[in-house]
Amino acid sequence: MTVTKYSANGNDFVFLIAQKKEDRSALARKLCHRQNGVGADGLVVVLPHPQYDFEWEFYNADGSLAAMCGNASRAVAHFASEKGISKENKAEFLTGAGVIRATINGLYVVSDMVSPRIIRDDIQEDGRNWWLIDTGVPHLVAASDTIEVFDKEQARALRHKYNANVNIYALKEDALYVRTYERGVEDETLACGTGMVACFIRNHKEGRIPDTLKIHPKSGDELYVSYEQGIYRFGGKVSKTFVAEILI
């Protein structure tokens, strides 16, 4: 089997092209295994679609399906454009959360995110006020005095209590700094697109930030989230790491 590995600011994915849907949970676990497989946070299967450029199936590293992944949406747009599946500089594709439209400019890709839904803004846990926001997948987000310390045991407990990804953020000068514990990976990742967008949405709704802002995940990379004409846009660079054959 030939697969392609991409990294989107430290959030890494394996891509493959298929012609029909099937249960690929076991394949995702094998390919995403850091020691015995390719190693990745998720598997993206690109499938044909009669209306859009393509449809995807997204699997977390543990084999569970996820409706949406912001960083993978940018990486798959670049992958599809390079493969000729979509147009040279644009991609329109179907995810479990809805249709994503992306613009590709070299390695810089901007995705129009699905419409978010604020589920709750009144959760009190461990002395913090948490918002629960669905940006394609659910995210708990809370402010933190320091971004250098992230209690993963606490995050793991909240992830299971609310069945959501868990994010803390700090607003410093002209940027948001975000750390995320991702369900399906069951650990902190170097970056999470839907998590960064959820943190932006909370701060934007609270009037703390302008319509466009730099965001830095744990990887230290610089990304941008903006709010334009009712659409949240998420942009940053992606990189194709390698193409390889793997024996299954």
C-alpha atoms as a PDB file:
ATOM      1  CA  MET A   1       0.000   0.000   0.000  1.00  0.00           C
ATOM      2  CA  THR A   2       1.301   3.455  -0.925  1.00  0.00           C
ATOM      3  CA  VAL A   3       0.659   6.210   1.614  1.00  0.00           C
ATOM      4  CA  THR A   4       1.581   9.862   1.912  1.00  0.00           C
ATOM      5  CA  LYS A   5       2.578  11.490   5.189  1.00  0.00           C
ATOM      6  CA  TYR A   6       1.822  15.157   5.892  1.00  0.00           C
ATOM      7  CA  SER A   7       2.491  17.425   8.825  1.00  0.00           C
ATOM      8  CA  ALA A   8       0.371  20.468   9.587  1.00  0.00           C
ATOM      9  CA  ASN A   9       2.278  22.355  12.251  1.00  0.00           C
ATOM     10  CA  GLY A  10       3.170  19.205  14.150  1.00  0.00           C
ATOM     11  CA  ASN A  11      -0.240  17.559  13.726  1.00  0.00           C
ATOM     12  CA  ASP A  12       0.635  14.661  11.417  1.00  0.00           C
ATOM     13  CA  PHE A  13      -1.511  12.519   9.137  1.00  0.00           C
ATOM     14  CA  VAL A  14      -1.348   9.585   6.746  1.00  0.00           C
ATOM     15  CA  PHE A  15      -3.280   9.936   3.478  1.00  0.00           C
ATOM     16  CA  LEU A  16      -4.454   7.283   1.085  1.00  0.00           C
ATOM     17  CA  ILE A  17      -6.828   7.215  -1.875  1.00  0.00           C
ATOM     18  CA  ALA A  18      -9.633   4.639  -2.065  1.00  0.00           C
ATOM     19  CA  GLN A  19     -12.674   4.070  -4.247  1.00  0.00           C
ATOM     20  CA  LYS A  20     -15.233   2.878  -1.718  1.00  0.00           C
ATOM     21  CA  LYS A  21     -16.151   3.253   1.927  1.00  0.00           C
ATOM     22  CA  GLU A  22     -15.378   0.504   4.384  1.00  0.00           C
ATOM     23  CA  ASP A  23     -14.381   0.095   8.002  1.00  0.00           C
ATOM     24  CA  ARG A  24     -10.708   1.038   8.182  1.00  0.00           C
ATOM     25  CA  SER A  25     -10.445   1.329  11.972  1.00  0.00           C
ATOM     26  CA  ALA A  26      -7.894  -1.472  12.265  1.00  0.00           C
ATOM     27  CA  LEU A  27      -5.896  -0.044   9.352  1.00  0.00           C
ATOM     28  CA  ALA A  28      -5.863   3.378  11.041  1.00  0.00           C
ATOM     29  CA  ARG A  29      -4.522   1.901  14.272  1.00  0.00           C
ATOM     30  CA  LYS A  30      -1.791   0.060  12.370  1.00  0.00           C
ATOM     31  CA  LEU A  31      -0.729   2.943  10.146  1.00  0.00           C
ATOM     32  CA  CYS A  32      -0.798   5.514  12.963  1.00  0.00           C
ATOM     33  CA  HIS A  33       1.238   3.398  15.388  1.00  0.00           C
ATOM     34  CA  ARG A  34       4.430   5.302  16.188  1.00  0.00           C
ATOM     35  CA  GLN A  35       6.638   2.208  16.463  1.00  0.00           C
ATOM     36  CA  ASN A  36       5.083  -0.436  14.191  1.00  0.00           C
ATOM     37  CA  GLY A  37       3.462   1.732  11.509  1.00  0.00           C
ATOM     38  CA  VAL A  38       3.993   5.029   9.742  1.00  0.00           C
ATOM     39  CA  GLY A  39       3.189   7.032  12.867  1.00  0.00           C
ATOM     40  CA  ALA A  40       0.512   9.751  12.844  1.00  0.00           C
ATOM     41  CA  ASP A  41      -2.252  11.477  14.773  1.00  0.00           C
ATOM     42  CA  GLY A  42      -4.797  10.370  12.190  1.00  0.00           C
ATOM     43  CA  LEU A  43      -5.587   8.599   8.915  1.00  0.00           C
ATOM     44  CA  VAL A  44      -7.400  10.397   6.089  1.00  0.00           C
ATOM     45  CA  VAL A  45      -9.023   8.331   3.329  1.00  0.00           C
ATOM     46  CA  VAL A  46      -9.843  10.318   0.185  1.00  0.00           C
ATOM     47  CA  LEU A  47     -12.916   9.008  -1.643  1.00  0.00           C
ATOM     48  CA  PRO A  48     -14.736  10.045  -4.836  1.00  0.00           C
ATOM     49  CA  HIS A  49     -17.896  12.140  -4.533  1.00  0.00           C
ATOM     50  CA  PRO A  50     -20.440  12.994  -7.253  1.00  0.00           C
ATOM     51  CA  GLN A  51     -20.903  16.624  -6.194  1.00  0.00           C
ATOM     52  CA  TYR A  52     -17.676  17.740  -4.543  1.00  0.00           C
ATOM     53  CA  ASP A  53     -14.018  17.264  -5.406  1.00  0.00           C
ATOM     54  CA  PHE A  54     -13.889  14.382  -2.943  1.00  0.00           C
ATOM     55  CA  GLU A  55     -15.158  13.083   0.383  1.00  0.00           C
ATOM     56  CA  TRP A  56     -13.025  12.039   3.302  1.00  0.00           C
ATOM     57  CA  GLU A  57     -13.116   9.521   6.095  1.00  0.00           C
ATOM     58  CA  PHE A  58     -11.074  10.691   9.072  1.00  0.00           C
ATOM     59  CA  TYR A  59      -9.804   8.226  11.656  1.00  0.00           C
ATOM     60  CA  ASN A  60      -8.069   9.112  14.889  1.00  0.00           C
ATOM     61  CA  ALA A  61      -4.940   7.183  15.836  1.00  0.00           C
ATOM     62  CA  ASP A  62      -7.013   4.852  18.037  1.00  0.00           C
ATOM     63  CA  GLY A  63      -9.215   3.888  15.079  1.00  0.00           C
ATOM     64  CA  SER A  64     -12.226   5.986  16.067  1.00  0.00           C
ATOM     65  CA  LEU A  65     -13.942   8.123  13.450  1.00  0.00           C
ATOM     66  CA  ALA A  66     -13.964  11.909  13.766  1.00  0.00           C
ATOM     67  CA  ALA A  67     -16.247  14.283  11.907  1.00  0.00           C
ATOM     68  CA  MET A  68     -13.702  17.057  11.448  1.00  0.00           C
ATOM     69  CA  CYS A  69     -10.059  18.012  11.870  1.00  0.00           C
ATOM     70  CA  GLY A  70      -8.912  21.547  11.079  1.00  0.00           C
ATOM     71  CA  ASN A  71      -5.248  20.808  10.408  1.00  0.00           C
ATOM     72  CA  ALA A  72      -6.076  17.737   8.326  1.00  0.00           C
ATOM     73  CA  SER A  73      -8.519  19.814   6.272  1.00  0.00           C
ATOM     74  CA  ARG A  74      -5.639  22.050   5.208  1.00  0.00           C
ATOM     75  CA  ALA A  75      -3.252  19.168   4.551  1.00  0.00           C
ATOM     76  CA  VAL A  76      -5.748  17.111   2.548  1.00  0.00           C
ATOM     77  CA  ALA A  77      -6.570  20.135   0.380  1.00  0.00           C
ATOM     78  CA  HIS A  78      -2.892  20.380  -0.579  1.00  0.00           C
ATOM     79  CA  PHE A  79      -2.690  16.600  -1.125  1.00  0.00           C
ATOM     80  CA  ALA A  80      -5.781  16.560  -3.364  1.00  0.00           C
ATOM     81  CA  SER A  81      -4.578  19.554  -5.370  1.00  0.00           C
ATOM     82  CA  GLU A  82      -1.192  17.940  -5.951  1.00  0.00           C
ATOM     83  CA  LYS A  83      -2.853  14.670  -7.022  1.00  0.00           C
ATOM     84  CA  GLY A  84      -5.184  16.466  -9.455  1.00  0.00           C
ATOM     85  CA  ILE A  85      -8.265  15.407  -7.482  1.00  0.00           C
ATOM     86  CA  SER A  86      -9.227  19.034  -6.961  1.00  0.00           C
ATOM     87  CA  LYS A  87      -8.379  22.270  -8.708  1.00  0.00           C
ATOM     88  CA  GLU A  88      -4.865  23.683  -8.561  1.00  0.00           C
ATOM     89  CA  ASN A  89      -5.572  26.308  -5.931  1.00  0.00           C
ATOM     90  CA  LYS A  90      -8.970  25.378  -4.495  1.00  0.00           C
ATOM     91  CA  ALA A  91     -10.641  22.351  -2.959  1.00  0.00           C
ATOM     92  CA  GLU A  92     -14.222  21.654  -1.940  1.00  0.00           C
ATOM     93  CA  PHE A  93     -14.844  18.439  -0.059  1.00  0.00           C
ATOM     94  CA  LEU A  94     -17.266  16.714   2.268  1.00  0.00           C
ATOM     95  CA  THR A  95     -16.420  15.843   5.868  1.00  0.00           C
ATOM     96  CA  GLY A  96     -18.551  14.344   8.602  1.00  0.00           C
ATOM     97  CA  ALA A  97     -19.177  17.882   9.870  1.00  0.00           C
ATOM     98  CA  GLY A  98     -20.113  19.378   6.511  1.00  0.00           C
ATOM     99  CA  VAL A  99     -18.517  20.865   3.402  1.00  0.00           C
ATOM    100  CA  ILE A 100     -15.084  22.440   3.676  1.00  0.00           C
ATOM    101  CA  ARG A 101     -13.744  24.941   1.151  1.00  0.00           C
ATOM    102  CA  ALA A 102     -10.013  25.519   1.097  1.00  0.00           C
ATOM    103  CA  THR A 103      -7.659  27.799  -0.804  1.00  0.00           C
ATOM    104  CA  ILE A 104      -4.125  26.613  -1.601  1.00  0.00           C
ATOM    105  CA  ASN A 105      -1.255  29.039  -2.176  1.00  0.00           C
ATOM    106  CA  GLY A 106       1.930  26.994  -2.320  1.00  0.00           C
ATOM    107  CA  LEU A 107       2.277  25.379   1.087  1.00  0.00           C
ATOM    108  CA  TYR A 108      -0.017  27.933   2.720  1.00  0.00           C
ATOM    109  CA  VAL A 109      -3.587  26.634   2.962  1.00  0.00           C
ATOM    110  CA  VAL A 110      -6.679  28.361   4.353  1.00  0.00           C
ATOM    111  CA  SER A 111      -9.793  26.374   5.265  1.00  0.00           C
ATOM    112  CA  ASP A 112     -13.259  27.841   5.728  1.00  0.00           C
ATOM    113  CA  MET A 113     -14.427  26.126   8.886  1.00  0.00           C
ATOM    114  CA  VAL A 114     -17.910  24.750   9.445  1.00  0.00           C
ATOM    115  CA  SER A 115     -20.312  26.928  11.428  1.00  0.00           C
ATOM    116  CA  PRO A 116     -19.523  26.542  15.130  1.00  0.00           C
ATOM    117  CA  ARG A 117     -21.981  25.870  17.910  1.00  0.00           C
ATOM    118  CA  ILE A 118     -21.503  27.099  21.458  1.00  0.00           C
ATOM    119  CA  ILE A 119     -22.978  24.301  23.545  1.00  0.00           C
ATOM    120  CA  ARG A 120     -22.255  25.734  27.016  1.00  0.00           C
ATOM    121  CA  ASP A 121     -20.420  28.706  28.471  1.00  0.00           C
ATOM    122  CA  ASP A 122     -20.952  28.027  32.162  1.00  0.00           C
ATOM    123  CA  ILE A 123     -18.923  24.922  33.019  1.00  0.00           C
ATOM    124  CA  GLN A 124     -16.960  25.246  36.254  1.00  0.00           C
ATOM    125  CA  GLU A 125     -14.124  22.780  36.757  1.00  0.00           C
ATOM    126  CA  ASP A 126     -10.951  23.097  38.838  1.00  0.00           C
ATOM    127  CA  GLY A 127     -11.508  26.787  39.486  1.00  0.00           C
ATOM    128  CA  ARG A 128     -11.845  27.681  35.807  1.00  0.00           C
ATOM    129  CA  ASN A 129     -14.738  28.695  33.607  1.00  0.00           C
ATOM    130  CA  TRP A 130     -14.889  26.427  30.552  1.00  0.00           C
ATOM    131  CA  TRP A 131     -16.807  26.879  27.334  1.00  0.00           C
ATOM    132  CA  LEU A 132     -17.882  23.830  25.328  1.00  0.00           C
ATOM    133  CA  ILE A 133     -17.761  24.693  21.626  1.00  0.00           C
ATOM    134  CA  ASP A 134     -18.391  22.431  18.654  1.00  0.00           C
ATOM    135  CA  THR A 135     -16.162  23.458  15.728  1.00  0.00           C
ATOM    136  CA  GLY A 136     -16.837  20.218  13.857  1.00  0.00           C
ATOM    137  CA  VAL A 137     -15.863  18.259  16.968  1.00  0.00           C
ATOM    138  CA  PRO A 138     -16.456  19.335  20.603  1.00  0.00           C
ATOM    139  CA  HIS A 139     -13.828  21.326  22.499  1.00  0.00           C
ATOM    140  CA  LEU A 140     -13.603  22.486  26.092  1.00  0.00           C
ATOM    141  CA  VAL A 141     -11.700  25.789  26.254  1.00  0.00           C
ATOM    142  CA  ALA A 142     -10.510  27.773  29.270  1.00  0.00           C
ATOM    143  CA  ALA A 143      -8.104  30.617  29.959  1.00  0.00           C
ATOM    144  CA  SER A 144      -4.868  29.938  31.800  1.00  0.00           C
ATOM    145  CA  ASP A 145      -2.437  32.276  33.544  1.00  0.00           C
ATOM    146  CA  THR A 146       0.456  30.297  32.120  1.00  0.00           C
ATOM    147  CA  ILE A 147       0.651  28.151  29.009  1.00  0.00           C
ATOM    148  CA  GLU A 148       3.868  26.478  30.133  1.00  0.00           C
ATOM    149  CA  VAL A 149       2.018  24.131  32.499  1.00  0.00           C
ATOM    150  CA  PHE A 150      -0.654  21.774  31.131  1.00  0.00           C
ATOM    151  CA  ASP A 151      -2.059  19.173  33.514  1.00  0.00           C
ATOM    152  CA  LYS A 152      -2.677  16.218  31.205  1.00  0.00           C
ATOM    153  CA  GLU A 153      -4.239  14.102  33.956  1.00  0.00           C
ATOM    154  CA  GLN A 154      -6.830  16.814  34.557  1.00  0.00           C
ATOM    155  CA  ALA A 155      -7.336  17.154  30.813  1.00  0.00           C
ATOM    156  CA  ARG A 156      -7.812  13.405  30.465  1.00  0.00           C
ATOM    157  CA  ALA A 157     -10.464  13.410  33.193  1.00  0.00           C
ATOM    158  CA  LEU A 158     -12.337  16.297  31.547  1.00  0.00           C
ATOM    159  CA  ARG A 159     -12.056  14.640  28.135  1.00  0.00           C
ATOM    160  CA  HIS A 160     -13.903  11.575  29.468  1.00  0.00           C
ATOM    161  CA  LYS A 161     -16.402  13.522  31.581  1.00  0.00           C
ATOM    162  CA  TYR A 162     -17.525  15.717  28.673  1.00  0.00           C
ATOM    163  CA  ASN A 163     -16.459  13.501  25.732  1.00  0.00           C
ATOM    164  CA  ALA A 164     -14.581  16.458  24.280  1.00  0.00           C
ATOM    165  CA  ASN A 165     -11.119  17.655  23.407  1.00  0.00           C
ATOM    166  CA  VAL A 166      -9.590  19.885  26.094  1.00  0.00           C
ATOM    167  CA  ASN A 167      -7.782  23.187  25.483  1.00  0.00           C
ATOM    168  CA  ILE A 168      -6.163  25.861  27.589  1.00  0.00           C
ATOM    169  CA  TYR A 169      -5.104  29.187  26.143  1.00  0.00           C
ATOM    170  CA  ALA A 170      -3.261  32.351  27.107  1.00  0.00           C
ATOM    171  CA  LEU A 171      -3.739  35.694  25.373  1.00  0.00           C
ATOM    172  CA  LYS A 172      -0.415  37.526  25.221  1.00  0.00           C
ATOM    173  CA  GLU A 173      -0.088  40.844  23.412  1.00  0.00           C
ATOM    174  CA  ASP A 174      -1.179  40.144  19.816  1.00  0.00           C
ATOM    175  CA  ALA A 175      -1.440  36.339  19.828  1.00  0.00           C
ATOM    176  CA  LEU A 176      -3.195  33.361  21.394  1.00  0.00           C
ATOM    177  CA  TYR A 177      -1.125  30.471  22.734  1.00  0.00           C
ATOM    178  CA  VAL A 178      -2.955  27.149  22.854  1.00  0.00           C
ATOM    179  CA  ARG A 179      -2.355  23.648  24.178  1.00  0.00           C
ATOM    180  CA  THR A 180      -4.707  20.773  23.385  1.00  0.00           C
ATOM    181  CA  TYR A 181      -5.426  17.278  24.682  1.00  0.00           C
ATOM    182  CA  GLU A 182      -7.071  15.378  21.822  1.00  0.00           C
ATOM    183  CA  ARG A 183      -9.518  12.545  22.168  1.00  0.00           C
ATOM    184  CA  GLY A 184      -8.765   9.687  19.805  1.00  0.00           C
ATOM    185  CA  VAL A 185      -5.064  10.392  20.211  1.00  0.00           C
ATOM    186  CA  GLU A 186      -5.568  10.381  24.004  1.00  0.00           C
ATOM    187  CA  ASP A 187      -2.648  12.682  24.596  1.00  0.00           C
ATOM    188  CA  GLU A 188      -1.525  16.226  23.996  1.00  0.00           C
ATOM    189  CA  THR A 189      -0.751  16.966  20.344  1.00  0.00           C
ATOM    190  CA  LEU A 190       1.599  19.566  18.926  1.00  0.00           C
ATOM    191  CA  ALA A 191      -1.311  21.352  17.252  1.00  0.00           C
ATOM    192  CA  CYS A 192      -5.081  21.049  16.880  1.00  0.00           C
ATOM    193  CA  GLY A 193      -6.866  23.191  14.304  1.00  0.00           C
ATOM    194  CA  THR A 194     -10.426  22.870  15.572  1.00  0.00           C
ATOM    195  CA  GLY A 195      -9.101  23.531  19.090  1.00  0.00           C
ATOM    196  CA  MET A 196      -7.299  26.714  18.055  1.00  0.00           C
ATOM    197  CA  VAL A 197     -10.436  27.901  16.255  1.00  0.00           C
ATOM    198  CA  ALA A 198     -12.547  27.150  19.360  1.00  0.00           C
ATOM    199  CA  CYS A 199     -10.188  29.247  21.505  1.00  0.00           C
ATOM    200  CA  PHE A 200     -10.371  32.064  18.965  1.00  0.00           C
ATOM    201  CA  ILE A 201     -14.184  31.907  18.937  1.00  0.00           C
ATOM    202  CA  ARG A 202     -14.461  32.236  22.717  1.00  0.00           C
ATOM    203  CA  ASN A 203     -12.117  35.223  22.836  1.00  0.00           C
ATOM    204  CA  HIS A 204     -13.786  36.824  19.817  1.00  0.00           C
ATOM    205  CA  LYS A 205     -17.238  36.406  21.348  1.00  0.00           C
ATOM    206  CA  GLU A 206     -15.969  37.952  24.581  1.00  0.00           C
ATOM    207  CA  GLY A 207     -14.621  40.952  22.643  1.00  0.00           C
ATOM    208  CA  ARG A 208     -11.003  40.380  23.642  1.00  0.00           C
ATOM    209  CA  ILE A 209      -9.470  40.095  20.176  1.00  0.00           C
ATOM    210  CA  PRO A 210      -9.817  41.571  16.659  1.00  0.00           C
ATOM    211  CA  ASP A 211     -11.259  39.737  13.647  1.00  0.00           C
ATOM    212  CA  THR A 212      -7.845  38.301  12.698  1.00  0.00           C
ATOM    213  CA  LEU A 213      -5.269  36.933  15.123  1.00  0.00           C
ATOM    214  CA  LYS A 214      -2.068  34.919  15.237  1.00  0.00           C
ATOM    215  CA  ILE A 215      -2.272  31.622  17.106  1.00  0.00           C
ATOM    216  CA  HIS A 216       0.635  29.509  18.334  1.00  0.00           C
ATOM    217  CA  PRO A 217       0.083  25.845  19.250  1.00  0.00           C
ATOM    218  CA  LYS A 218       2.587  23.770  21.251  1.00  0.00           C
ATOM    219  CA  SER A 219       4.705  23.268  18.111  1.00  0.00           C
ATOM    220  CA  GLY A 220       5.470  26.993  18.194  1.00  0.00           C
ATOM    221  CA  ASP A 221       4.349  27.495  14.597  1.00  0.00           C
ATOM    222  CA  GLU A 222       2.415  30.583  13.579  1.00  0.00           C
ATOM    223  CA  LEU A 223      -1.127  30.182  12.273  1.00  0.00           C
ATOM    224  CA  TYR A 224      -3.970  32.602  11.718  1.00  0.00           C
ATOM    225  CA  VAL A 225      -7.678  32.486  12.462  1.00  0.00           C
ATOM    226  CA  SER A 226     -10.009  35.150  11.119  1.00  0.00           C
ATOM    227  CA  TYR A 227     -13.701  35.979  11.138  1.00  0.00           C
ATOM    228  CA  GLU A 228     -14.868  37.282   7.771  1.00  0.00           C
ATOM    229  CA  GLN A 229     -18.477  37.764   6.699  1.00  0.00           C
ATOM    230  CA  GLY A 230     -19.759  35.188   9.145  1.00  0.00           C
ATOM    231  CA  ILE A 231     -17.094  32.588   8.318  1.00  0.00           C
ATOM    232  CA  TYR A 232     -14.228  31.464  10.526  1.00  0.00           C
ATOM    233  CA  ARG A 233     -11.097  30.871   8.446  1.00  0.00           C
ATOM    234  CA  PHE A 234      -8.045  28.941   9.563  1.00  0.00           C
ATOM    235  CA  GLY A 235      -4.717  29.312   7.751  1.00  0.00           C
ATOM    236  CA  GLY A 236      -1.142  28.105   7.962  1.00  0.00           C
ATOM    237  CA  LYS A 237       1.556  26.123   6.212  1.00  0.00           C
ATOM    238  CA  VAL A 238       1.528  22.383   5.620  1.00  0.00           C
ATOM    239  CA  SER A 239       4.359  20.079   4.565  1.00  0.00           C
ATOM    240  CA  LYS A 240       4.470  16.766   2.729  1.00  0.00           C
ATOM    241  CA  THR A 241       6.874  14.660   4.751  1.00  0.00           C
ATOM    242  CA  PHE A 242       7.230  11.580   2.548  1.00  0.00           C
ATOM    243  CA  VAL A 243       5.581   9.007   0.291  1.00  0.00           C
ATOM    244  CA  ALA A 244       6.158   5.369   1.180  1.00  0.00           C
ATOM    245  CA  GLU A 245       5.083   1.799   0.608  1.00  0.00           C
ATOM    246  CA  ILE A 246       4.005  -0.136   3.654  1.00  0.00           C
ATOM    247  CA  LEU A 247       3.232  -3.827   3.945  1.00  0.00           C
ATOM    248  CA  ILE A 248      -0.133  -4.534   5.591  1.00  0.00           C
END
